[in-house]
Amino acid sequence: MESLEEKLQMLREKYPLVPHTAAGQMWSSVRRMKAEKELGIPINRRTGFAVSLESGLAANEMQEEAWKEVLRWPVR
C-alpha cells in the first residue's frame, strides 16, 4: 500500500499542474483534482490551485459536495 506522500509524488509526476494559459491551467487543475479524489487524497492535502467562482474557496478548502460540482466538467 502506498503512503500518502508516495501518492502525492506520483500525482506531481503524472498530473503536473500547468501554470501558463488559462485553458491549459484549468484543464490540468481539474484533471489533477479528479485523480486526487480517485486516490482518496484528503481534501486538505489536495491541490488548491483552482478556486470556485461560486464560493471563492480554493479547491483544498472546499467541502466534498463542492468538489462533486467541479468534477462534473468533462475531463480526459
C-alpha atoms as a PDB file:
ATOM      1  CA  MET A   1       0.000   0.000   0.000  1.00  0.00           C
ATOM      2  CA  GLU A   2       1.310   3.408  -0.938  1.00  0.00           C
ATOM      3  CA  SER A   3       1.739   6.090   1.660  1.00  0.00           C
ATOM      4  CA  LEU A   4       0.097   9.486   1.233  1.00  0.00           C
ATOM      5  CA  GLU A   5       3.456  11.048   0.370  1.00  0.00           C
ATOM      6  CA  GLU A   6       4.049   8.423  -2.344  1.00  0.00           C
ATOM      7  CA  LYS A   7       0.612   9.112  -3.826  1.00  0.00           C
ATOM      8  CA  LEU A   8       1.264  12.859  -3.826  1.00  0.00           C
ATOM      9  CA  GLN A   9       4.630  12.361  -5.537  1.00  0.00           C
ATOM     10  CA  MET A  10       3.012  10.183  -8.201  1.00  0.00           C
ATOM     11  CA  LEU A  11       0.396  12.889  -8.793  1.00  0.00           C
ATOM     12  CA  ARG A  12       3.094  15.554  -9.197  1.00  0.00           C
ATOM     13  CA  GLU A  13       4.783  13.409 -11.840  1.00  0.00           C
ATOM     14  CA  LYS A  14       1.755  12.019 -13.682  1.00  0.00           C
ATOM     15  CA  TYR A  15      -0.566  15.039 -13.447  1.00  0.00           C
ATOM     16  CA  PRO A  16       1.622  18.147 -13.351  1.00  0.00           C
ATOM     17  CA  LEU A  17      -0.108  21.497 -12.962  1.00  0.00           C
ATOM     18  CA  VAL A  18       0.353  23.756 -15.970  1.00  0.00           C
ATOM     19  CA  PRO A  19       0.924  27.350 -14.782  1.00  0.00           C
ATOM     20  CA  HIS A  20       0.543  29.117 -18.138  1.00  0.00           C
ATOM     21  CA  THR A  21      -2.529  29.715 -20.355  1.00  0.00           C
ATOM     22  CA  ALA A  22      -5.949  29.900 -18.751  1.00  0.00           C
ATOM     23  CA  ALA A  23      -7.348  26.910 -20.658  1.00  0.00           C
ATOM     24  CA  GLY A  24      -4.305  24.708 -20.029  1.00  0.00           C
ATOM     25  CA  GLN A  25      -4.164  25.724 -16.399  1.00  0.00           C
ATOM     26  CA  MET A  26      -7.840  24.913 -15.786  1.00  0.00           C
ATOM     27  CA  TRP A  27      -7.673  21.621 -17.687  1.00  0.00           C
ATOM     28  CA  SER A  28      -4.617  20.439 -15.761  1.00  0.00           C
ATOM     29  CA  SER A  29      -6.165  21.517 -12.445  1.00  0.00           C
ATOM     30  CA  VAL A  30      -9.438  19.661 -12.961  1.00  0.00           C
ATOM     31  CA  ARG A  31      -7.644  16.564 -14.285  1.00  0.00           C
ATOM     32  CA  ARG A  32      -5.410  16.594 -11.204  1.00  0.00           C
ATOM     33  CA  MET A  33      -8.382  17.167  -8.872  1.00  0.00           C
ATOM     34  CA  LYS A  34     -10.155  14.142 -10.335  1.00  0.00           C
ATOM     35  CA  ALA A  35      -7.072  11.959  -9.837  1.00  0.00           C
ATOM     36  CA  GLU A  36      -6.664  13.184  -6.241  1.00  0.00           C
ATOM     37  CA  LYS A  37     -10.271  12.281  -5.441  1.00  0.00           C
ATOM     38  CA  GLU A  38      -9.949   8.827  -7.046  1.00  0.00           C
ATOM     39  CA  LEU A  39      -6.812   8.124  -4.984  1.00  0.00           C
ATOM     40  CA  GLY A  40      -8.555   9.151  -1.767  1.00  0.00           C
ATOM     41  CA  ILE A  41      -6.267  12.101  -1.014  1.00  0.00           C
ATOM     42  CA  PRO A  42      -7.746  14.063   1.922  1.00  0.00           C
ATOM     43  CA  ILE A  43      -9.260  17.387   0.802  1.00  0.00           C
ATOM     44  CA  ASN A  44      -6.828  19.441   2.887  1.00  0.00           C
ATOM     45  CA  ARG A  45      -3.890  17.816   1.012  1.00  0.00           C
ATOM     46  CA  ARG A  46      -5.425  18.236  -2.449  1.00  0.00           C
ATOM     47  CA  THR A  47      -4.431  20.879  -4.968  1.00  0.00           C
ATOM     48  CA  GLY A  48      -5.579  24.368  -4.002  1.00  0.00           C
ATOM     49  CA  PHE A  49      -4.799  25.715  -7.472  1.00  0.00           C
ATOM     50  CA  ALA A  50      -8.428  26.000  -8.650  1.00  0.00           C
ATOM     51  CA  VAL A  51     -10.768  28.491  -6.974  1.00  0.00           C
ATOM     52  CA  SER A  52     -14.537  28.174  -7.020  1.00  0.00           C
ATOM     53  CA  LEU A  53     -16.273  31.169  -8.567  1.00  0.00           C
ATOM     54  CA  GLU A  54     -19.382  30.357  -6.584  1.00  0.00           C
ATOM     55  CA  SER A  55     -17.880  30.150  -3.084  1.00  0.00           C
ATOM     56  CA  GLY A  56     -14.487  31.807  -3.587  1.00  0.00           C
ATOM     57  CA  LEU A  57     -12.789  28.867  -1.850  1.00  0.00           C
ATOM     58  CA  ALA A  58      -9.610  27.215  -3.041  1.00  0.00           C
ATOM     59  CA  ALA A  59     -10.040  23.576  -4.018  1.00  0.00           C
ATOM     60  CA  ASN A  60      -8.285  22.349  -0.878  1.00  0.00           C
ATOM     61  CA  GLU A  61     -10.763  24.316   1.278  1.00  0.00           C
ATOM     62  CA  MET A  62     -13.966  23.057  -0.399  1.00  0.00           C
ATOM     63  CA  GLN A  63     -16.386  20.567   1.065  1.00  0.00           C
ATOM     64  CA  GLU A  64     -16.931  17.242  -0.723  1.00  0.00           C
ATOM     65  CA  GLU A  65     -20.197  18.465  -2.335  1.00  0.00           C
ATOM     66  CA  ALA A  66     -18.397  21.412  -3.961  1.00  0.00           C
ATOM     67  CA  TRP A  67     -15.791  19.004  -5.330  1.00  0.00           C
ATOM     68  CA  LYS A  68     -18.544  16.955  -6.942  1.00  0.00           C
ATOM     69  CA  GLU A  69     -19.783  20.070  -8.762  1.00  0.00           C
ATOM     70  CA  VAL A  70     -16.326  20.926 -10.093  1.00  0.00           C
ATOM     71  CA  LEU A  71     -15.686  17.354 -11.202  1.00  0.00           C
ATOM     72  CA  ARG A  72     -18.784  17.349 -13.387  1.00  0.00           C
ATOM     73  CA  TRP A  73     -16.662  19.107 -16.023  1.00  0.00           C
ATOM     74  CA  PRO A  74     -15.569  16.798 -18.832  1.00  0.00           C
ATOM     75  CA  VAL A  75     -12.030  15.634 -18.128  1.00  0.00           C
ATOM     76  CA  ARG A  76      -9.995  13.207 -20.205  1.00  0.00           C
END
